[in-house]
N, C-alpha and C. Protein backbone atom coordinates (compact mmCIF):
# COMPACT_ATOMS: atom_id res chain seq x y z
N MET A 1 21.22 -2.37 -8.45
CA MET A 1 20.39 -2.44 -7.26
C MET A 1 21.18 -1.87 -6.09
N SER A 2 20.55 -0.98 -5.32
CA SER A 2 21.24 -0.38 -4.18
C SER A 2 21.38 -1.40 -3.05
N GLU A 3 22.27 -1.09 -2.12
CA GLU A 3 22.47 -1.97 -0.97
C GLU A 3 21.17 -2.10 -0.16
N LEU A 4 20.44 -0.99 -0.02
CA LEU A 4 19.17 -1.03 0.72
C LEU A 4 18.14 -1.89 -0.02
N THR A 5 18.06 -1.77 -1.33
CA THR A 5 17.12 -2.58 -2.11
C THR A 5 17.45 -4.06 -1.97
N GLU A 6 18.73 -4.40 -2.00
CA GLU A 6 19.15 -5.80 -1.82
C GLU A 6 18.79 -6.30 -0.42
N PHE A 7 19.02 -5.46 0.58
CA PHE A 7 18.69 -5.82 1.96
C PHE A 7 17.19 -6.11 2.09
N ARG A 8 16.38 -5.23 1.51
CA ARG A 8 14.93 -5.40 1.60
C ARG A 8 14.47 -6.66 0.87
N ALA A 9 15.04 -6.95 -0.29
CA ALA A 9 14.69 -8.17 -1.04
C ALA A 9 15.06 -9.41 -0.24
N SER A 10 16.20 -9.38 0.41
CA SER A 10 16.64 -10.50 1.23
C SER A 10 15.70 -10.70 2.42
N LYS A 11 15.29 -9.61 3.03
CA LYS A 11 14.36 -9.70 4.17
C LYS A 11 13.02 -10.27 3.71
N ASP A 12 12.52 -9.82 2.57
CA ASP A 12 11.26 -10.35 2.04
C ASP A 12 11.37 -11.85 1.79
N ALA A 13 12.50 -12.29 1.26
CA ALA A 13 12.70 -13.72 1.00
C ALA A 13 12.70 -14.50 2.31
N PHE A 14 13.34 -13.97 3.33
CA PHE A 14 13.35 -14.62 4.64
C PHE A 14 11.93 -14.74 5.19
N PHE A 15 11.19 -13.65 5.13
CA PHE A 15 9.82 -13.66 5.66
C PHE A 15 8.94 -14.66 4.90
N ARG A 16 9.12 -14.76 3.61
CA ARG A 16 8.30 -15.63 2.77
C ARG A 16 8.70 -17.10 2.90
N ASP A 17 10.00 -17.39 2.97
CA ASP A 17 10.49 -18.76 2.79
C ASP A 17 10.97 -19.48 4.03
N GLN A 18 11.31 -18.78 5.08
CA GLN A 18 11.96 -19.42 6.22
C GLN A 18 10.98 -19.79 7.34
N PRO A 19 11.10 -20.98 7.87
CA PRO A 19 10.25 -21.37 9.01
C PRO A 19 10.46 -20.48 10.24
N ARG A 20 11.63 -19.84 10.36
CA ARG A 20 11.90 -18.93 11.49
C ARG A 20 11.29 -17.54 11.28
N SER A 21 10.64 -17.34 10.17
CA SER A 21 9.97 -16.07 9.89
C SER A 21 8.93 -15.79 10.97
N PRO A 22 8.70 -14.52 11.30
CA PRO A 22 7.65 -14.22 12.28
C PRO A 22 6.24 -14.44 11.72
N LEU A 23 6.13 -14.60 10.41
CA LEU A 23 4.82 -14.80 9.80
C LEU A 23 4.31 -16.22 10.06
N THR A 24 3.02 -16.33 10.21
CA THR A 24 2.41 -17.65 10.32
C THR A 24 2.48 -18.32 8.94
N SER A 25 2.26 -19.63 8.89
CA SER A 25 2.29 -20.32 7.59
C SER A 25 1.21 -19.77 6.67
N GLU A 26 0.06 -19.39 7.21
CA GLU A 26 -1.00 -18.80 6.39
C GLU A 26 -0.56 -17.46 5.81
N GLN A 27 0.10 -16.63 6.62
CA GLN A 27 0.59 -15.34 6.14
C GLN A 27 1.66 -15.53 5.07
N ARG A 28 2.55 -16.49 5.28
CA ARG A 28 3.63 -16.73 4.31
C ARG A 28 3.07 -17.17 2.96
N ALA A 29 1.98 -17.92 2.97
CA ALA A 29 1.40 -18.43 1.71
C ALA A 29 0.95 -17.30 0.79
N SER A 30 0.53 -16.17 1.37
CA SER A 30 0.05 -15.07 0.53
C SER A 30 0.97 -13.84 0.57
N PHE A 31 2.14 -13.99 1.19
CA PHE A 31 3.06 -12.86 1.38
C PHE A 31 3.66 -12.41 0.06
N GLU A 32 3.57 -11.11 -0.21
CA GLU A 32 4.13 -10.55 -1.44
C GLU A 32 5.21 -9.53 -1.17
N GLY A 33 5.60 -9.37 0.07
CA GLY A 33 6.66 -8.42 0.41
C GLY A 33 6.18 -7.37 1.39
N LEU A 34 7.13 -6.81 2.12
CA LEU A 34 6.84 -5.75 3.06
C LEU A 34 6.72 -4.42 2.34
N ALA A 35 6.01 -3.48 2.94
CA ALA A 35 5.87 -2.13 2.38
C ALA A 35 6.91 -1.22 3.04
N TYR A 36 7.58 -0.44 2.22
CA TYR A 36 8.64 0.44 2.70
C TYR A 36 8.45 1.86 2.17
N PHE A 37 8.95 2.82 2.94
CA PHE A 37 9.09 4.18 2.43
C PHE A 37 10.25 4.19 1.45
N PRO A 38 10.26 5.11 0.49
CA PRO A 38 11.42 5.24 -0.40
C PRO A 38 12.65 5.62 0.42
N GLU A 39 13.81 5.21 -0.07
CA GLU A 39 15.07 5.57 0.60
C GLU A 39 15.20 7.09 0.66
N ASP A 40 15.65 7.60 1.81
CA ASP A 40 15.79 9.04 2.02
C ASP A 40 17.13 9.30 2.70
N GLU A 41 18.08 9.82 1.93
CA GLU A 41 19.42 10.10 2.48
C GLU A 41 19.36 11.14 3.60
N GLY A 42 18.31 11.97 3.62
CA GLY A 42 18.16 12.97 4.68
C GLY A 42 17.84 12.35 6.03
N LEU A 43 17.49 11.06 6.02
CA LEU A 43 17.18 10.37 7.27
C LEU A 43 18.29 9.40 7.69
N VAL A 44 19.49 9.69 7.19
CA VAL A 44 20.70 9.00 7.64
C VAL A 44 21.44 10.03 8.51
N ILE A 45 21.44 9.77 9.80
CA ILE A 45 21.97 10.73 10.77
C ILE A 45 23.32 10.25 11.28
N ARG A 46 24.32 11.08 11.13
CA ARG A 46 25.63 10.80 11.73
C ARG A 46 25.80 11.83 12.83
N GLY A 47 25.79 11.35 14.07
CA GLY A 47 25.84 12.29 15.17
C GLY A 47 26.62 11.77 16.35
N GLU A 48 26.91 12.68 17.24
CA GLU A 48 27.64 12.34 18.46
C GLU A 48 26.72 11.58 19.40
N LEU A 49 27.23 10.52 20.00
CA LEU A 49 26.50 9.82 21.05
C LEU A 49 26.85 10.54 22.35
N GLU A 50 25.96 11.43 22.77
CA GLU A 50 26.20 12.25 23.96
C GLU A 50 25.96 11.40 25.21
N THR A 51 26.94 11.42 26.11
CA THR A 51 26.80 10.68 27.34
C THR A 51 26.80 11.58 28.58
N ALA A 52 27.21 12.83 28.42
CA ALA A 52 27.21 13.77 29.55
C ALA A 52 25.77 13.96 30.03
N GLY A 53 25.57 13.78 31.33
CA GLY A 53 24.24 13.96 31.91
C GLY A 53 23.31 12.77 31.71
N VAL A 54 23.81 11.69 31.10
CA VAL A 54 23.00 10.50 30.88
C VAL A 54 23.35 9.47 31.94
N ASP A 55 22.36 9.02 32.69
CA ASP A 55 22.59 8.00 33.71
C ASP A 55 22.72 6.65 33.01
N ARG A 56 23.96 6.22 32.80
CA ARG A 56 24.20 4.99 32.05
C ARG A 56 24.13 3.75 32.94
N ASP A 57 23.91 3.93 34.23
CA ASP A 57 23.80 2.79 35.14
C ASP A 57 22.36 2.45 35.49
N GLU A 58 21.44 3.38 35.26
CA GLU A 58 20.04 3.14 35.61
C GLU A 58 19.48 1.98 34.79
N ARG A 59 18.80 1.08 35.46
CA ARG A 59 18.12 -0.03 34.78
C ARG A 59 16.82 0.51 34.18
N ILE A 60 16.66 0.38 32.88
CA ILE A 60 15.44 0.82 32.20
C ILE A 60 14.63 -0.42 31.85
N ALA A 61 13.52 -0.62 32.53
CA ALA A 61 12.66 -1.77 32.27
C ALA A 61 11.62 -1.37 31.24
N MET A 62 11.75 -1.90 30.03
CA MET A 62 10.76 -1.63 28.98
C MET A 62 9.69 -2.70 29.03
N GLN A 63 8.45 -2.23 29.09
CA GLN A 63 7.32 -3.16 29.04
C GLN A 63 7.28 -3.81 27.67
N THR A 64 6.80 -5.05 27.62
CA THR A 64 6.67 -5.73 26.33
C THR A 64 5.20 -5.85 25.94
N THR A 65 4.99 -6.19 24.70
CA THR A 65 3.62 -6.30 24.17
C THR A 65 2.85 -7.44 24.80
N THR A 66 3.53 -8.37 25.48
CA THR A 66 2.84 -9.49 26.12
C THR A 66 2.78 -9.33 27.64
N GLY A 67 3.12 -8.14 28.15
CA GLY A 67 3.01 -7.87 29.57
C GLY A 67 4.27 -8.12 30.38
N GLY A 68 5.34 -8.55 29.75
CA GLY A 68 6.60 -8.76 30.46
C GLY A 68 7.42 -7.48 30.45
N GLU A 69 8.71 -7.65 30.68
CA GLU A 69 9.62 -6.51 30.58
C GLU A 69 10.99 -7.00 30.16
N GLN A 70 11.71 -6.10 29.50
CA GLN A 70 13.11 -6.34 29.14
C GLN A 70 13.91 -5.17 29.69
N VAL A 71 15.09 -5.48 30.22
CA VAL A 71 15.89 -4.46 30.90
C VAL A 71 17.07 -4.03 30.02
N TYR A 72 17.25 -2.72 29.95
CA TYR A 72 18.35 -2.10 29.19
C TYR A 72 18.98 -1.03 30.06
N ARG A 73 20.05 -0.46 29.55
CA ARG A 73 20.67 0.71 30.16
C ARG A 73 20.87 1.75 29.05
N ARG A 74 20.76 3.01 29.41
CA ARG A 74 20.99 4.07 28.41
C ARG A 74 22.46 4.06 28.00
N ALA A 75 22.70 4.18 26.71
CA ALA A 75 24.07 4.30 26.21
C ALA A 75 24.41 5.75 25.92
N GLY A 76 23.39 6.53 25.58
CA GLY A 76 23.60 7.93 25.25
C GLY A 76 22.47 8.46 24.40
N VAL A 77 22.60 9.73 24.03
CA VAL A 77 21.57 10.44 23.29
C VAL A 77 22.17 10.97 21.98
N VAL A 78 21.36 10.93 20.93
CA VAL A 78 21.76 11.53 19.64
C VAL A 78 20.72 12.60 19.29
N ARG A 79 21.21 13.80 18.98
CA ARG A 79 20.33 14.92 18.59
C ARG A 79 20.43 15.12 17.08
N PHE A 80 19.29 15.50 16.47
CA PHE A 80 19.26 15.72 15.03
C PHE A 80 18.08 16.61 14.68
N GLU A 81 18.00 16.97 13.40
CA GLU A 81 16.88 17.77 12.89
C GLU A 81 16.23 17.04 11.74
N ILE A 82 14.90 17.09 11.71
CA ILE A 82 14.11 16.55 10.59
C ILE A 82 13.19 17.65 10.14
N ASP A 83 13.30 18.05 8.89
CA ASP A 83 12.45 19.10 8.33
C ASP A 83 12.42 20.35 9.21
N GLY A 84 13.58 20.73 9.73
CA GLY A 84 13.68 21.94 10.53
C GLY A 84 13.24 21.78 11.98
N GLU A 85 12.81 20.59 12.37
CA GLU A 85 12.39 20.35 13.75
C GLU A 85 13.47 19.57 14.49
N SER A 86 13.75 20.00 15.71
CA SER A 86 14.74 19.31 16.54
C SER A 86 14.15 18.05 17.15
N ALA A 87 14.98 17.03 17.24
CA ALA A 87 14.58 15.77 17.87
C ALA A 87 15.80 15.15 18.51
N LYS A 88 15.55 14.21 19.41
CA LYS A 88 16.65 13.44 19.99
C LYS A 88 16.12 12.05 20.31
N VAL A 89 17.03 11.10 20.26
CA VAL A 89 16.70 9.72 20.61
C VAL A 89 17.73 9.21 21.62
N THR A 90 17.26 8.31 22.46
CA THR A 90 18.14 7.62 23.38
C THR A 90 18.45 6.25 22.81
N LEU A 91 19.72 5.89 22.79
CA LEU A 91 20.14 4.55 22.40
C LEU A 91 20.37 3.75 23.67
N PHE A 92 20.03 2.47 23.62
CA PHE A 92 20.11 1.62 24.79
C PHE A 92 21.10 0.49 24.58
N ALA A 93 21.70 0.06 25.68
CA ALA A 93 22.64 -1.06 25.65
C ALA A 93 22.06 -2.23 26.43
N SER A 94 22.47 -3.41 26.02
CA SER A 94 22.08 -4.64 26.70
C SER A 94 23.28 -5.57 26.67
N PRO A 95 23.51 -6.32 27.75
CA PRO A 95 24.65 -7.25 27.74
C PRO A 95 24.52 -8.33 26.66
N ASP A 96 23.30 -8.55 26.18
CA ASP A 96 23.05 -9.58 25.16
C ASP A 96 23.37 -9.11 23.74
N MET A 97 23.59 -7.81 23.55
CA MET A 97 23.75 -7.26 22.20
C MET A 97 25.04 -6.45 22.08
N ARG A 98 25.73 -6.62 20.97
CA ARG A 98 26.90 -5.77 20.68
C ARG A 98 26.43 -4.40 20.21
N GLU A 99 25.39 -4.39 19.35
CA GLU A 99 24.86 -3.13 18.83
C GLU A 99 24.05 -2.43 19.91
N LEU A 100 23.81 -1.15 19.68
CA LEU A 100 22.93 -0.37 20.55
C LEU A 100 21.52 -0.47 19.99
N PHE A 101 20.54 -0.44 20.86
CA PHE A 101 19.13 -0.63 20.51
C PHE A 101 18.43 0.71 20.50
N LEU A 102 17.70 0.98 19.42
CA LEU A 102 16.95 2.23 19.28
C LEU A 102 15.48 1.91 18.98
N PRO A 103 14.67 1.79 20.04
CA PRO A 103 13.23 1.65 19.83
C PRO A 103 12.62 3.06 19.78
N PHE A 104 11.71 3.32 18.86
CA PHE A 104 11.13 4.66 18.77
C PHE A 104 9.71 4.62 18.21
N ARG A 105 8.98 5.65 18.54
CA ARG A 105 7.70 5.97 17.92
C ARG A 105 7.86 7.36 17.33
N ASP A 106 7.04 7.67 16.32
CA ASP A 106 7.07 8.99 15.72
C ASP A 106 5.66 9.35 15.28
N ARG A 107 5.51 10.47 14.60
CA ARG A 107 4.17 10.90 14.18
C ARG A 107 3.49 9.94 13.20
N THR A 108 4.24 9.05 12.57
CA THR A 108 3.63 8.09 11.65
C THR A 108 3.10 6.85 12.36
N SER A 109 3.47 6.66 13.64
CA SER A 109 3.07 5.46 14.38
C SER A 109 1.55 5.40 14.52
N GLY A 110 1.00 4.27 14.14
CA GLY A 110 -0.44 4.07 14.23
C GLY A 110 -1.19 4.46 12.98
N SER A 111 -0.52 5.11 12.04
CA SER A 111 -1.17 5.46 10.78
C SER A 111 -0.39 4.83 9.62
N GLU A 112 0.79 5.36 9.35
CA GLU A 112 1.61 4.82 8.27
C GLU A 112 2.51 3.68 8.72
N THR A 113 2.80 3.65 10.02
CA THR A 113 3.71 2.63 10.56
C THR A 113 3.07 1.95 11.75
N TYR A 114 3.70 0.86 12.19
CA TYR A 114 3.19 0.06 13.31
C TYR A 114 2.96 0.94 14.53
N GLY A 115 1.80 0.83 15.13
CA GLY A 115 1.40 1.71 16.23
C GLY A 115 2.28 1.67 17.44
N ALA A 116 2.83 0.50 17.77
CA ALA A 116 3.66 0.39 18.97
C ALA A 116 5.07 0.90 18.76
N GLY A 117 5.45 1.18 17.51
CA GLY A 117 6.77 1.72 17.23
C GLY A 117 7.63 0.81 16.39
N ARG A 118 8.81 1.31 16.07
CA ARG A 118 9.77 0.55 15.25
C ARG A 118 11.12 0.53 15.94
N TYR A 119 12.04 -0.24 15.36
CA TYR A 119 13.35 -0.44 15.96
C TYR A 119 14.47 -0.18 14.95
N LEU A 120 15.64 0.04 15.51
CA LEU A 120 16.90 0.08 14.77
C LEU A 120 17.99 -0.50 15.66
N GLU A 121 18.97 -1.13 15.04
CA GLU A 121 20.20 -1.46 15.74
C GLU A 121 21.26 -0.50 15.21
N VAL A 122 22.08 0.01 16.10
CA VAL A 122 23.08 1.01 15.75
C VAL A 122 24.43 0.51 16.22
N GLU A 123 25.41 0.57 15.33
CA GLU A 123 26.78 0.17 15.71
C GLU A 123 27.27 1.09 16.83
N PRO A 124 28.05 0.54 17.76
CA PRO A 124 28.62 1.39 18.82
C PRO A 124 29.43 2.53 18.20
N PRO A 125 29.62 3.61 18.97
CA PRO A 125 30.35 4.75 18.41
C PRO A 125 31.78 4.40 18.04
N GLY A 126 32.25 5.08 17.01
CA GLY A 126 33.64 4.93 16.59
C GLY A 126 34.54 5.74 17.51
N PRO A 127 35.84 5.79 17.17
CA PRO A 127 36.80 6.54 17.99
C PRO A 127 36.44 8.02 18.13
N ASP A 128 35.66 8.55 17.17
CA ASP A 128 35.27 9.96 17.23
C ASP A 128 34.02 10.17 18.09
N GLY A 129 33.46 9.10 18.67
CA GLY A 129 32.29 9.22 19.53
C GLY A 129 30.98 9.37 18.77
N ARG A 130 31.03 9.18 17.45
CA ARG A 130 29.83 9.37 16.62
C ARG A 130 29.23 8.02 16.23
N VAL A 131 27.92 8.05 15.99
CA VAL A 131 27.18 6.86 15.54
C VAL A 131 26.45 7.19 14.25
N LEU A 132 26.08 6.16 13.53
CA LEU A 132 25.30 6.30 12.31
C LEU A 132 23.91 5.73 12.57
N VAL A 133 22.90 6.60 12.54
CA VAL A 133 21.51 6.20 12.72
C VAL A 133 20.85 6.32 11.35
N ASP A 134 20.63 5.17 10.70
CA ASP A 134 20.03 5.15 9.36
C ASP A 134 18.57 4.73 9.49
N PHE A 135 17.68 5.72 9.52
CA PHE A 135 16.26 5.43 9.67
C PHE A 135 15.69 4.65 8.48
N ASN A 136 16.40 4.60 7.36
CA ASN A 136 15.95 3.78 6.22
C ASN A 136 15.92 2.30 6.58
N LEU A 137 16.65 1.93 7.64
CA LEU A 137 16.68 0.54 8.09
C LEU A 137 15.69 0.28 9.23
N ALA A 138 14.87 1.27 9.58
CA ALA A 138 13.90 1.09 10.66
C ALA A 138 12.96 -0.06 10.30
N TYR A 139 12.70 -0.90 11.29
CA TYR A 139 11.89 -2.07 11.02
C TYR A 139 10.84 -2.29 12.10
N ASN A 140 9.81 -3.01 11.73
CA ASN A 140 8.77 -3.39 12.67
C ASN A 140 9.26 -4.54 13.53
N PRO A 141 8.93 -4.53 14.82
CA PRO A 141 9.25 -5.69 15.64
C PRO A 141 8.38 -6.87 15.20
N TYR A 142 8.82 -8.07 15.52
CA TYR A 142 8.11 -9.27 15.08
C TYR A 142 6.66 -9.31 15.55
N CYS A 143 6.34 -8.66 16.68
CA CYS A 143 4.96 -8.67 17.16
C CYS A 143 4.03 -7.90 16.23
N ALA A 144 4.56 -7.09 15.32
CA ALA A 144 3.73 -6.40 14.33
C ALA A 144 3.15 -7.38 13.32
N TYR A 145 3.80 -8.55 13.19
CA TYR A 145 3.37 -9.56 12.23
C TYR A 145 2.61 -10.69 12.88
N ASN A 146 2.92 -10.92 14.16
CA ASN A 146 2.35 -12.06 14.85
C ASN A 146 2.30 -11.73 16.35
N PRO A 147 1.10 -11.58 16.92
CA PRO A 147 0.99 -11.14 18.32
C PRO A 147 1.54 -12.13 19.34
N GLU A 148 1.94 -13.32 18.90
CA GLU A 148 2.53 -14.27 19.84
C GLU A 148 3.97 -13.91 20.21
N TRP A 149 4.59 -13.01 19.44
CA TRP A 149 5.94 -12.54 19.76
C TRP A 149 5.85 -11.48 20.85
N SER A 150 6.86 -11.41 21.68
CA SER A 150 6.93 -10.41 22.74
C SER A 150 7.98 -9.37 22.38
N CYS A 151 7.58 -8.12 22.33
CA CYS A 151 8.48 -7.06 21.87
C CYS A 151 8.47 -5.89 22.86
N PRO A 152 9.64 -5.32 23.16
CA PRO A 152 9.66 -4.15 24.04
C PRO A 152 8.97 -2.95 23.38
N ILE A 153 8.24 -2.22 24.20
CA ILE A 153 7.54 -1.02 23.73
C ILE A 153 8.48 0.17 23.95
N PRO A 154 8.68 1.00 22.91
CA PRO A 154 9.58 2.15 23.07
C PRO A 154 9.19 3.03 24.25
N PRO A 155 10.17 3.41 25.07
CA PRO A 155 9.86 4.27 26.22
C PRO A 155 9.50 5.68 25.75
N GLY A 156 8.80 6.39 26.61
CA GLY A 156 8.32 7.74 26.28
C GLY A 156 9.41 8.69 25.81
N GLU A 157 10.63 8.52 26.30
CA GLU A 157 11.71 9.42 25.88
C GLU A 157 12.05 9.26 24.40
N ASN A 158 11.59 8.19 23.77
CA ASN A 158 11.82 7.99 22.33
C ASN A 158 10.53 8.08 21.52
N TRP A 159 9.55 8.81 22.02
CA TRP A 159 8.35 9.12 21.26
C TRP A 159 8.62 10.47 20.59
N LEU A 160 8.97 10.43 19.33
CA LEU A 160 9.47 11.61 18.63
C LEU A 160 8.34 12.53 18.16
N PRO A 161 8.57 13.84 18.22
CA PRO A 161 7.57 14.81 17.77
C PRO A 161 7.64 15.07 16.26
N VAL A 162 8.38 14.25 15.54
CA VAL A 162 8.56 14.42 14.10
C VAL A 162 8.11 13.14 13.38
N SER A 163 7.92 13.24 12.08
CA SER A 163 7.58 12.08 11.26
C SER A 163 8.86 11.50 10.67
N ILE A 164 9.04 10.20 10.86
CA ILE A 164 10.19 9.50 10.26
C ILE A 164 9.63 8.63 9.14
N ARG A 165 9.58 9.20 7.94
CA ARG A 165 9.05 8.48 6.79
C ARG A 165 10.19 7.74 6.09
N ALA A 166 10.65 6.71 6.79
CA ALA A 166 11.74 5.88 6.30
C ALA A 166 11.56 4.49 6.90
N GLY A 167 12.10 3.48 6.22
CA GLY A 167 12.02 2.13 6.75
C GLY A 167 10.70 1.47 6.44
N GLU A 168 10.34 0.51 7.28
CA GLU A 168 9.11 -0.28 7.06
C GLU A 168 7.86 0.49 7.42
N LYS A 169 6.84 0.21 6.62
CA LYS A 169 5.49 0.74 6.89
C LYS A 169 4.68 -0.33 7.61
N THR A 170 3.43 -0.01 7.89
CA THR A 170 2.52 -0.94 8.55
C THR A 170 2.37 -2.21 7.72
N PHE A 171 2.29 -3.34 8.42
CA PHE A 171 2.06 -4.62 7.77
C PHE A 171 0.56 -4.90 7.80
N GLY A 172 -0.01 -5.15 6.63
CA GLY A 172 -1.46 -5.35 6.53
C GLY A 172 -1.92 -6.77 6.74
N GLY A 173 -1.03 -7.72 6.93
CA GLY A 173 -1.43 -9.12 6.98
C GLY A 173 -1.71 -9.69 8.35
N VAL A 174 -1.92 -8.82 9.36
CA VAL A 174 -2.21 -9.31 10.71
C VAL A 174 -3.72 -9.28 10.92
N GLU A 175 -4.24 -10.37 11.47
CA GLU A 175 -5.68 -10.42 11.71
C GLU A 175 -5.97 -10.22 13.17
């Protein structure tokens, strides 16, 4: 079993069995697992976290699904190619998190994946200034499963013009 397969099985067990799961008790009773895209090594991006020209002090207030806001700061930008198309994402920092936050939407949002977007946590850059962005770990925010959760909506700068067919797909158990 691959590390990703084990991770996904563990997440499914958490969603099904734990009271802290974002699923309601009714959803957990019939839960059979999350839907995922197949693992794609081409969607594991190792790139430089570019900070030149990035205002790392600006407060970025992301609106949430419940009408609030959460504040972050830009940490930098990562550029990459998917199927011959150029793309870039902004990673965000928060004093509450050691990892960098990557909220994004892509061409699959609203059809194959959750309409409001998906998330990733990314380890801070190593001594070489590079980060590992593994889209196979992209996940739906908890509000995709239960609208009572409040989740930041990805800012326009992370609405990608490419399809990221990796990570979690749309969850069908929300009413």
